């Protein structure tokens, strides 16, 4: 389906229907009865009792290892010398014949 002709941008539905313009409701905030009384000097019991102290970082503790290899290691193991993996070739892309034929005149 393709539209034919030009589209002006206005339809019968949009011209006959005019939606109502609503107004926003005023935000109602309840008044609270919490008021600060007296003066606040900035010092609290918690701040005066617990003074921040610069801590020192603990040194890294490296534990001694008790697992040590015995003897010399030449870099060649019996597994790597006896097992040689196969070197395979990649399979080529197989093109299947098409079974769709045009029939008729």
N, C-alpha and C. Protein backbone atom coordinates (compact mmCIF):
# COMPACT_ATOMS: atom_id res chain seq x y z
N UNK A 1 0.84 -1.18 0.00
CA UNK A 1 0.00 0.00 0.00
C UNK A 1 0.88 1.24 0.00
N UNK A 2 0.61 2.06 -0.96
CA UNK A 2 1.35 3.31 -1.03
C UNK A 2 0.35 4.45 -1.08
N UNK A 3 0.62 5.52 -0.35
CA UNK A 3 -0.31 6.66 -0.41
C UNK A 3 -0.22 7.34 -1.78
N UNK A 4 -1.37 7.77 -2.29
CA UNK A 4 -1.41 8.46 -3.57
C UNK A 4 -1.75 9.92 -3.33
N UNK A 5 -1.12 10.78 -4.05
CA UNK A 5 -1.39 12.21 -3.93
C UNK A 5 -0.55 12.84 -2.83
N UNK A 6 -0.89 14.07 -2.54
CA UNK A 6 -0.15 14.82 -1.52
C UNK A 6 -0.92 14.81 -0.20
N UNK A 7 -0.17 14.88 0.87
CA UNK A 7 -0.77 14.90 2.21
C UNK A 7 -0.55 16.29 2.78
N UNK A 8 -1.62 16.99 3.07
CA UNK A 8 -1.53 18.36 3.56
C UNK A 8 -1.25 18.46 5.04
N UNK A 9 -1.42 17.41 5.79
CA UNK A 9 -1.12 17.44 7.21
C UNK A 9 -2.34 17.61 8.08
N UNK A 10 -3.51 17.89 7.50
CA UNK A 10 -4.71 18.02 8.32
C UNK A 10 -5.72 16.99 7.85
N UNK A 11 -6.38 16.37 8.80
CA UNK A 11 -7.38 15.36 8.50
C UNK A 11 -8.72 15.83 9.05
N UNK A 12 -9.77 15.15 8.67
CA UNK A 12 -11.09 15.53 9.18
C UNK A 12 -11.19 15.26 10.67
N UNK A 13 -10.52 14.23 11.12
CA UNK A 13 -10.55 13.92 12.55
C UNK A 13 -9.83 15.00 13.34
N UNK A 14 -8.69 15.44 12.86
CA UNK A 14 -7.96 16.45 13.62
C UNK A 14 -8.64 17.81 13.58
N UNK A 15 -9.39 18.10 12.53
CA UNK A 15 -10.07 19.40 12.47
C UNK A 15 -11.35 19.41 13.29
N UNK A 16 -12.06 18.27 13.39
CA UNK A 16 -13.31 18.24 14.16
C UNK A 16 -13.08 18.03 15.65
N UNK A 17 -12.02 17.34 16.01
CA UNK A 17 -11.77 17.07 17.42
C UNK A 17 -10.76 18.06 17.95
N UNK A 18 -11.15 18.83 18.91
CA UNK A 18 -10.24 19.76 19.59
C UNK A 18 -10.23 19.34 21.05
N UNK A 19 -9.11 18.86 21.50
CA UNK A 19 -8.99 18.36 22.86
C UNK A 19 -9.05 19.49 23.88
N UNK A 20 -9.51 19.19 25.07
CA UNK A 20 -9.58 20.23 26.10
C UNK A 20 -8.18 20.56 26.61
N UNK A 21 -7.96 21.82 26.84
CA UNK A 21 -6.69 22.26 27.43
C UNK A 21 -6.86 22.27 28.94
N UNK A 22 -6.26 21.30 29.59
CA UNK A 22 -6.39 21.20 31.03
C UNK A 22 -5.36 22.05 31.74
N UNK A 23 -5.69 22.44 32.94
CA UNK A 23 -4.77 23.23 33.75
C UNK A 23 -4.20 22.32 34.83
N UNK A 24 -3.00 22.63 35.20
CA UNK A 24 -2.36 21.84 36.26
C UNK A 24 -2.92 22.22 37.62
N UNK A 25 -3.02 21.23 38.45
CA UNK A 25 -3.49 21.46 39.80
C UNK A 25 -2.35 22.07 40.61
N UNK A 26 -2.69 23.03 41.42
CA UNK A 26 -1.67 23.67 42.27
C UNK A 26 -1.14 22.65 43.27
N UNK A 27 0.16 22.66 43.47
CA UNK A 27 0.80 21.72 44.38
C UNK A 27 0.49 22.12 45.82
N UNK A 28 -0.07 21.20 46.56
CA UNK A 28 -0.45 21.48 47.94
C UNK A 28 0.58 20.84 48.86
N UNK A 29 1.31 21.65 49.59
CA UNK A 29 2.29 21.13 50.54
C UNK A 29 1.76 21.37 51.96
N UNK A 30 1.68 20.30 52.73
CA UNK A 30 1.20 20.50 54.10
C UNK A 30 2.25 21.24 54.93
N UNK A 31 1.78 22.12 55.79
CA UNK A 31 2.69 22.87 56.66
C UNK A 31 3.14 21.97 57.80
N UNK A 32 4.41 22.05 58.14
CA UNK A 32 4.91 21.24 59.25
C UNK A 32 5.05 22.10 60.50
N UNK A 33 5.15 21.45 61.64
CA UNK A 33 5.26 22.17 62.90
C UNK A 33 6.64 21.96 63.53
N UNK A 34 7.62 21.57 62.72
CA UNK A 34 8.95 21.33 63.25
C UNK A 34 9.78 22.59 63.06
N UNK A 35 10.20 23.16 64.13
CA UNK A 35 11.01 24.37 64.10
C UNK A 35 12.23 24.16 64.99
N UNK A 36 13.37 24.67 64.57
CA UNK A 36 14.58 24.58 65.38
C UNK A 36 14.50 25.62 66.49
N UNK A 37 14.76 25.18 67.71
CA UNK A 37 14.72 26.10 68.85
C UNK A 37 16.12 26.33 69.38
N UNK A 38 16.42 27.51 69.77
CA UNK A 38 17.71 27.83 70.35
C UNK A 38 18.77 28.06 69.27
N UNK A 39 20.00 28.21 69.74
CA UNK A 39 21.11 28.46 68.82
C UNK A 39 21.90 27.17 68.61
N UNK A 40 22.47 27.04 67.45
CA UNK A 40 23.28 25.88 67.13
C UNK A 40 24.71 26.35 66.93
N UNK A 41 25.61 25.92 67.78
CA UNK A 41 26.99 26.38 67.72
C UNK A 41 27.84 25.59 66.74
N UNK A 42 27.38 24.47 66.27
CA UNK A 42 28.15 23.70 65.30
C UNK A 42 28.87 22.52 65.94
N UNK A 43 28.96 22.47 67.27
CA UNK A 43 29.63 21.35 67.94
C UNK A 43 28.58 20.41 68.50
N UNK A 44 28.74 19.16 68.20
CA UNK A 44 27.85 18.15 68.76
C UNK A 44 28.67 17.22 69.65
N UNK A 45 28.01 16.46 70.47
CA UNK A 45 28.70 15.53 71.34
C UNK A 45 29.42 14.47 70.51
N UNK A 46 28.79 14.03 69.47
CA UNK A 46 29.38 13.01 68.62
C UNK A 46 30.64 13.55 67.93
N UNK A 47 30.60 14.78 67.43
CA UNK A 47 31.75 15.34 66.73
C UNK A 47 32.91 15.63 67.67
N UNK A 48 32.61 16.02 68.93
CA UNK A 48 33.70 16.33 69.86
C UNK A 48 34.30 15.04 70.46
N UNK A 49 33.51 13.98 70.61
CA UNK A 49 34.02 12.74 71.19
C UNK A 49 34.82 11.93 70.17
N UNK A 50 34.31 11.80 68.98
CA UNK A 50 34.95 11.00 67.95
C UNK A 50 35.66 11.90 66.95
N UNK A 51 36.93 12.11 67.17
CA UNK A 51 37.74 12.96 66.31
C UNK A 51 38.35 12.09 65.22
N UNK A 52 38.29 12.51 63.96
CA UNK A 52 38.89 11.69 62.91
C UNK A 52 40.41 11.64 63.04
N UNK A 53 40.96 10.47 62.84
CA UNK A 53 42.40 10.26 62.96
C UNK A 53 42.89 9.67 61.64
N UNK A 54 44.03 10.16 61.15
CA UNK A 54 44.60 9.59 59.94
C UNK A 54 45.22 8.25 60.28
N UNK A 55 44.72 7.21 59.67
CA UNK A 55 45.23 5.87 59.93
C UNK A 55 46.37 5.53 58.99
N UNK A 56 47.16 4.58 59.38
CA UNK A 56 48.26 4.14 58.55
C UNK A 56 47.85 2.87 57.82
N UNK A 57 48.32 2.75 56.63
CA UNK A 57 48.01 1.57 55.85
C UNK A 57 48.90 0.43 56.30
N UNK A 58 48.29 -0.72 56.44
CA UNK A 58 49.07 -1.87 56.87
C UNK A 58 49.96 -2.35 55.73
N UNK A 59 51.10 -2.88 56.09
CA UNK A 59 52.02 -3.36 55.07
C UNK A 59 51.52 -4.70 54.53
N UNK A 60 51.85 -4.98 53.29
CA UNK A 60 51.41 -6.20 52.65
C UNK A 60 52.19 -7.37 53.22
N UNK A 61 51.46 -8.36 53.70
CA UNK A 61 52.07 -9.51 54.32
C UNK A 61 52.07 -10.65 53.31
N UNK A 62 53.24 -11.08 52.92
CA UNK A 62 53.37 -12.16 51.94
C UNK A 62 53.77 -13.43 52.66
N UNK A 63 52.88 -14.39 52.61
CA UNK A 63 53.14 -15.64 53.29
C UNK A 63 54.15 -16.47 52.50
N UNK A 64 54.95 -17.24 53.23
CA UNK A 64 55.93 -18.11 52.59
C UNK A 64 55.21 -19.29 51.95
N UNK A 65 55.66 -19.68 50.78
CA UNK A 65 55.05 -20.78 50.05
C UNK A 65 55.81 -22.07 50.37
N UNK A 66 55.08 -23.14 50.66
CA UNK A 66 55.75 -24.39 50.98
C UNK A 66 55.70 -25.37 49.81
N UNK A 67 55.17 -24.95 48.68
CA UNK A 67 55.13 -25.81 47.50
C UNK A 67 56.24 -25.39 46.55
N UNK A 68 57.26 -26.18 46.46
CA UNK A 68 58.41 -25.87 45.61
C UNK A 68 58.61 -27.00 44.61
N UNK A 69 58.93 -26.66 43.36
CA UNK A 69 59.24 -27.71 42.40
C UNK A 69 60.59 -28.34 42.72
N UNK A 70 60.66 -29.65 42.55
CA UNK A 70 61.91 -30.35 42.84
C UNK A 70 62.60 -30.68 41.53
N UNK A 71 63.87 -30.44 41.44
CA UNK A 71 64.65 -30.77 40.24
C UNK A 71 64.58 -29.66 39.20
N UNK A 72 65.19 -29.96 38.05
CA UNK A 72 65.23 -28.98 36.97
C UNK A 72 64.04 -29.17 36.05
N UNK A 73 63.61 -28.10 35.45
CA UNK A 73 62.50 -28.14 34.51
C UNK A 73 63.03 -27.69 33.17
N UNK A 74 63.02 -28.59 32.21
CA UNK A 74 63.57 -28.28 30.90
C UNK A 74 62.59 -27.60 29.97
N UNK A 75 61.33 -27.56 30.29
CA UNK A 75 60.35 -26.90 29.45
C UNK A 75 59.58 -27.87 28.57
N UNK A 76 59.97 -29.13 28.51
CA UNK A 76 59.27 -30.13 27.69
C UNK A 76 58.74 -31.20 28.63
N UNK A 77 57.45 -31.47 28.52
CA UNK A 77 56.84 -32.49 29.36
C UNK A 77 56.57 -33.73 28.52
N UNK A 78 56.29 -34.83 29.18
CA UNK A 78 56.00 -36.06 28.44
C UNK A 78 54.68 -35.94 27.68
N UNK A 79 53.75 -35.20 28.22
CA UNK A 79 52.48 -35.03 27.54
C UNK A 79 52.66 -34.23 26.26
N UNK A 80 53.43 -33.16 26.32
CA UNK A 80 53.59 -32.33 25.13
C UNK A 80 54.45 -33.01 24.08
N UNK A 81 55.34 -33.91 24.48
CA UNK A 81 56.18 -34.59 23.49
C UNK A 81 55.45 -35.78 22.86
N UNK A 82 54.56 -36.46 23.58
CA UNK A 82 53.88 -37.63 23.03
C UNK A 82 52.61 -37.26 22.29
N UNK A 83 51.92 -36.22 22.69
CA UNK A 83 50.67 -35.84 22.04
C UNK A 83 50.93 -34.70 21.08
N UNK A 84 50.64 -34.95 19.83
CA UNK A 84 50.72 -33.89 18.82
C UNK A 84 49.32 -33.73 18.26
N UNK A 85 48.76 -32.57 18.41
CA UNK A 85 47.40 -32.33 17.96
C UNK A 85 47.30 -32.33 16.45
N UNK A 86 46.13 -32.70 15.93
CA UNK A 86 45.96 -32.72 14.48
C UNK A 86 45.85 -31.31 13.93
N UNK A 87 46.41 -31.11 12.77
CA UNK A 87 46.28 -29.83 12.08
C UNK A 87 45.19 -30.00 11.04
N UNK A 88 43.99 -29.57 11.33
CA UNK A 88 42.85 -29.74 10.44
C UNK A 88 42.72 -28.58 9.46
N UNK A 89 42.11 -28.86 8.32
CA UNK A 89 41.84 -27.84 7.32
C UNK A 89 40.40 -27.38 7.50
N UNK A 90 40.17 -26.16 7.12
CA UNK A 90 38.81 -25.63 7.19
C UNK A 90 37.99 -26.20 6.06
N UNK A 91 36.76 -26.47 6.35
CA UNK A 91 35.85 -26.99 5.34
C UNK A 91 35.38 -25.83 4.48
N UNK A 92 35.36 -26.06 3.18
CA UNK A 92 34.92 -25.01 2.26
C UNK A 92 33.42 -24.80 2.34
N UNK A 93 32.96 -23.69 1.80
CA UNK A 93 31.55 -23.34 1.81
C UNK A 93 30.83 -24.17 0.75
N UNK A 94 29.83 -24.91 1.14
CA UNK A 94 29.10 -25.78 0.22
C UNK A 94 27.90 -25.03 -0.32
N UNK A 95 27.82 -24.90 -1.64
CA UNK A 95 26.67 -24.26 -2.29
C UNK A 95 25.68 -25.35 -2.67
N UNK A 96 24.52 -25.33 -2.11
CA UNK A 96 23.50 -26.31 -2.41
C UNK A 96 22.75 -25.87 -3.68
N UNK A 97 22.36 -26.85 -4.51
CA UNK A 97 21.59 -26.48 -5.73
C UNK A 97 20.20 -26.01 -5.34
N UNK A 98 19.70 -25.04 -6.08
CA UNK A 98 18.40 -24.45 -5.80
C UNK A 98 17.31 -25.34 -6.37
N UNK A 99 16.26 -25.61 -5.63
CA UNK A 99 15.17 -26.44 -6.12
C UNK A 99 13.96 -25.62 -6.55
N UNK A 100 14.09 -24.32 -6.61
CA UNK A 100 12.98 -23.46 -7.04
C UNK A 100 13.14 -23.17 -8.53
N UNK A 101 12.17 -23.56 -9.29
CA UNK A 101 12.20 -23.34 -10.73
C UNK A 101 10.97 -22.53 -11.11
N UNK A 102 11.11 -21.73 -12.11
CA UNK A 102 9.95 -20.98 -12.60
C UNK A 102 9.10 -21.89 -13.47
N UNK A 103 7.83 -21.92 -13.24
CA UNK A 103 6.92 -22.79 -13.98
C UNK A 103 5.93 -21.94 -14.72
N UNK A 104 5.46 -22.44 -15.78
CA UNK A 104 4.42 -21.74 -16.55
C UNK A 104 4.99 -21.05 -17.76
N UNK A 105 4.20 -20.18 -18.32
CA UNK A 105 4.60 -19.49 -19.56
C UNK A 105 5.43 -18.28 -19.27
